Amino acid sequence: MNMKRIEERYISLLTDFGFKRIFGTKPNKDLLINFLNSLFDGFQVIKDVKYLNSEHVGDVFAERKAIFDVYCENEHGEKFIVEMQNAYQKYFKDRSLFYSTFPIREQAPKGA
């Protein structure tokens, strides 16, 4: 069998498209749950997830926007972000902290 033909049949999970296509779609929800449970290794058990909007824009034009790989809510109402990184990112901690502000901000009602 031709190698090029084999490569066309698979999606790499190490790409943004592949990761979101496999773990970020409702038809593959069971794959995401199994993947997360294997990472947590019993520390936490995910039984169900609800997919949430993964694109968040700031409240004003000048604020940065954030696009998560996968944004979910578990059966207990806990929200979490799933991000896959394939290479070293110098500011990954800063970006993670920034991303974590969006679920926190959603919990509070808009001020008057």
C-alpha atoms as a PDB file:
ATOM      1  CA  MET A   1       0.000   0.000   0.000  1.00  0.00           C
ATOM      2  CA  ASN A   2       1.222   3.473  -0.864  1.00  0.00           C
ATOM      3  CA  MET A   3       2.543   5.410   2.200  1.00  0.00           C
ATOM      4  CA  LYS A   4       0.933   8.662   1.021  1.00  0.00           C
ATOM      5  CA  ARG A   5      -2.414   6.917   0.892  1.00  0.00           C
ATOM      6  CA  ILE A   6      -2.018   5.660   4.493  1.00  0.00           C
ATOM      7  CA  GLU A   7      -1.106   9.145   5.768  1.00  0.00           C
ATOM      8  CA  GLU A   8      -4.271  10.625   4.263  1.00  0.00           C
ATOM      9  CA  ARG A   9      -6.461   8.343   6.376  1.00  0.00           C
ATOM     10  CA  TYR A  10      -5.372   9.576   9.796  1.00  0.00           C
ATOM     11  CA  ILE A  11      -5.614  12.795  11.774  1.00  0.00           C
ATOM     12  CA  SER A  12      -2.672  13.693  13.978  1.00  0.00           C
ATOM     13  CA  LEU A  13      -3.717  14.473  17.550  1.00  0.00           C
ATOM     14  CA  LEU A  14      -0.603  16.637  17.827  1.00  0.00           C
ATOM     15  CA  THR A  15      -2.111  19.313  15.586  1.00  0.00           C
ATOM     16  CA  ASP A  16      -4.637  21.910  16.692  1.00  0.00           C
ATOM     17  CA  PHE A  17      -7.120  20.707  14.062  1.00  0.00           C
ATOM     18  CA  GLY A  18      -6.712  17.035  14.951  1.00  0.00           C
ATOM     19  CA  PHE A  19      -6.968  17.527  18.706  1.00  0.00           C
ATOM     20  CA  LYS A  20     -10.096  19.680  18.413  1.00  0.00           C
ATOM     21  CA  ARG A  21     -11.655  17.395  15.808  1.00  0.00           C
ATOM     22  CA  ILE A  22     -11.226  14.273  17.938  1.00  0.00           C
ATOM     23  CA  PHE A  23     -11.679  15.557  21.497  1.00  0.00           C
ATOM     24  CA  GLY A  24     -13.711  18.719  20.911  1.00  0.00           C
ATOM     25  CA  THR A  25     -16.779  17.298  19.171  1.00  0.00           C
ATOM     26  CA  LYS A  26     -19.924  15.859  20.742  1.00  0.00           C
ATOM     27  CA  PRO A  27     -19.856  12.606  18.734  1.00  0.00           C
ATOM     28  CA  ASN A  28     -16.454  11.870  20.336  1.00  0.00           C
ATOM     29  CA  LYS A  29     -17.426  12.850  23.880  1.00  0.00           C
ATOM     30  CA  ASP A  30     -16.640   9.343  25.154  1.00  0.00           C
ATOM     31  CA  LEU A  31     -13.082   9.660  23.798  1.00  0.00           C
ATOM     32  CA  LEU A  32     -12.573  12.929  25.695  1.00  0.00           C
ATOM     33  CA  ILE A  33     -13.941  11.413  28.913  1.00  0.00           C
ATOM     34  CA  ASN A  34     -11.685   8.358  28.594  1.00  0.00           C
ATOM     35  CA  PHE A  35      -8.684  10.550  27.748  1.00  0.00           C
ATOM     36  CA  LEU A  36      -9.231  12.821  30.771  1.00  0.00           C
ATOM     37  CA  ASN A  37      -9.805   9.897  33.131  1.00  0.00           C
ATOM     38  CA  SER A  38      -6.574   8.272  31.960  1.00  0.00           C
ATOM     39  CA  LEU A  39      -4.716  11.533  32.668  1.00  0.00           C
ATOM     40  CA  PHE A  40      -6.322  11.951  36.109  1.00  0.00           C
ATOM     41  CA  ASP A  41      -5.508   8.315  36.947  1.00  0.00           C
ATOM     42  CA  GLY A  42      -8.173   8.071  39.669  1.00  0.00           C
ATOM     43  CA  PHE A  43      -7.443  11.483  41.218  1.00  0.00           C
ATOM     44  CA  GLN A  44     -10.709  12.687  39.719  1.00  0.00           C
ATOM     45  CA  VAL A  45     -13.303  10.759  37.720  1.00  0.00           C
ATOM     46  CA  ILE A  46     -15.196  12.405  34.878  1.00  0.00           C
ATOM     47  CA  LYS A  47     -18.517  10.702  34.126  1.00  0.00           C
ATOM     48  CA  ASP A  48     -19.999  13.208  31.711  1.00  0.00           C
ATOM     49  CA  VAL A  49     -19.096  16.490  30.036  1.00  0.00           C
ATOM     50  CA  LYS A  50     -21.020  19.259  28.355  1.00  0.00           C
ATOM     51  CA  TYR A  51     -19.189  21.150  25.627  1.00  0.00           C
ATOM     52  CA  LEU A  52     -19.141  24.930  26.061  1.00  0.00           C
ATOM     53  CA  ASN A  53     -18.256  27.741  23.674  1.00  0.00           C
ATOM     54  CA  SER A  54     -14.473  27.660  23.333  1.00  0.00           C
ATOM     55  CA  GLU A  55     -14.101  31.176  21.909  1.00  0.00           C
ATOM     56  CA  HIS A  56     -14.178  34.077  24.350  1.00  0.00           C
ATOM     57  CA  VAL A  57     -13.816  37.733  23.543  1.00  0.00           C
ATOM     58  CA  GLY A  58     -13.102  40.486  26.011  1.00  0.00           C
ATOM     59  CA  ASP A  59     -15.743  42.815  27.391  1.00  0.00           C
ATOM     60  CA  VAL A  60     -14.200  45.758  25.562  1.00  0.00           C
ATOM     61  CA  PHE A  61     -12.529  45.992  22.161  1.00  0.00           C
ATOM     62  CA  ALA A  62      -9.023  46.434  23.616  1.00  0.00           C
ATOM     63  CA  GLU A  63      -9.118  43.134  25.560  1.00  0.00           C
ATOM     64  CA  ARG A  64      -7.503  40.042  24.109  1.00  0.00           C
ATOM     65  CA  LYS A  65      -9.633  37.131  23.061  1.00  0.00           C
ATOM     66  CA  ALA A  66      -9.045  33.523  24.013  1.00  0.00           C
ATOM     67  CA  ILE A  67      -9.731  30.407  21.985  1.00  0.00           C
ATOM     68  CA  PHE A  68      -9.468  27.217  24.016  1.00  0.00           C
ATOM     69  CA  ASP A  69      -8.869  23.807  22.472  1.00  0.00           C
ATOM     70  CA  VAL A  70     -11.763  22.315  24.458  1.00  0.00           C
ATOM     71  CA  TYR A  71     -13.919  23.969  27.125  1.00  0.00           C
ATOM     72  CA  CYS A  72     -16.208  21.708  29.155  1.00  0.00           C
ATOM     73  CA  GLU A  73     -18.386  21.393  32.201  1.00  0.00           C
ATOM     74  CA  ASN A  74     -18.549  18.129  34.134  1.00  0.00           C
ATOM     75  CA  GLU A  75     -21.509  16.480  35.831  1.00  0.00           C
ATOM     76  CA  HIS A  76     -20.884  18.522  39.003  1.00  0.00           C
ATOM     77  CA  GLY A  77     -20.973  21.880  37.199  1.00  0.00           C
ATOM     78  CA  GLU A  78     -17.186  22.336  37.368  1.00  0.00           C
ATOM     79  CA  LYS A  79     -15.823  24.045  34.259  1.00  0.00           C
ATOM     80  CA  PHE A  80     -12.440  23.178  32.828  1.00  0.00           C
ATOM     81  CA  ILE A  81     -10.255  23.950  29.855  1.00  0.00           C
ATOM     82  CA  VAL A  82      -8.321  21.278  27.973  1.00  0.00           C
ATOM     83  CA  GLU A  83      -5.265  22.546  26.084  1.00  0.00           C
ATOM     84  CA  MET A  84      -2.760  20.448  24.166  1.00  0.00           C
ATOM     85  CA  GLN A  85       0.753  21.784  23.563  1.00  0.00           C
ATOM     86  CA  ASN A  86       3.105  20.100  21.137  1.00  0.00           C
ATOM     87  CA  ALA A  87       6.064  22.454  21.570  1.00  0.00           C
ATOM     88  CA  TYR A  88       7.657  24.607  24.234  1.00  0.00           C
ATOM     89  CA  GLN A  89       5.772  27.858  24.767  1.00  0.00           C
ATOM     90  CA  LYS A  90       7.682  30.505  26.690  1.00  0.00           C
ATOM     91  CA  TYR A  91       4.548  32.175  28.066  1.00  0.00           C
ATOM     92  CA  PHE A  92       2.404  29.086  28.593  1.00  0.00           C
ATOM     93  CA  LYS A  93       1.920  29.783  32.325  1.00  0.00           C
ATOM     94  CA  ASP A  94       0.846  33.359  31.605  1.00  0.00           C
ATOM     95  CA  ARG A  95      -1.577  32.217  28.918  1.00  0.00           C
ATOM     96  CA  SER A  96      -2.976  29.505  31.208  1.00  0.00           C
ATOM     97  CA  LEU A  97      -3.569  32.066  33.929  1.00  0.00           C
ATOM     98  CA  PHE A  98      -5.243  34.408  31.433  1.00  0.00           C
ATOM     99  CA  TYR A  99      -7.450  31.592  30.110  1.00  0.00           C
ATOM    100  CA  SER A 100      -8.498  30.639  33.643  1.00  0.00           C
ATOM    101  CA  THR A 101     -10.001  34.093  34.177  1.00  0.00           C
ATOM    102  CA  PHE A 102     -12.798  33.450  31.671  1.00  0.00           C
ATOM    103  CA  PRO A 103     -14.572  30.635  33.571  1.00  0.00           C
ATOM    104  CA  ILE A 104     -14.171  32.671  36.774  1.00  0.00           C
ATOM    105  CA  ARG A 105     -15.665  35.784  35.163  1.00  0.00           C
ATOM    106  CA  GLU A 106     -18.661  33.776  33.910  1.00  0.00           C
ATOM    107  CA  GLN A 107     -19.659  32.971  37.494  1.00  0.00           C
ATOM    108  CA  ALA A 108     -20.293  36.577  38.506  1.00  0.00           C
ATOM    109  CA  PRO A 109     -23.235  38.635  37.247  1.00  0.00           C
ATOM    110  CA  LYS A 110     -22.400  41.669  35.138  1.00  0.00           C
ATOM    111  CA  GLY A 111     -21.992  44.821  37.216  1.00  0.00           C
ATOM    112  CA  ALA A 112     -24.285  47.778  36.924  1.00  0.00           C
END
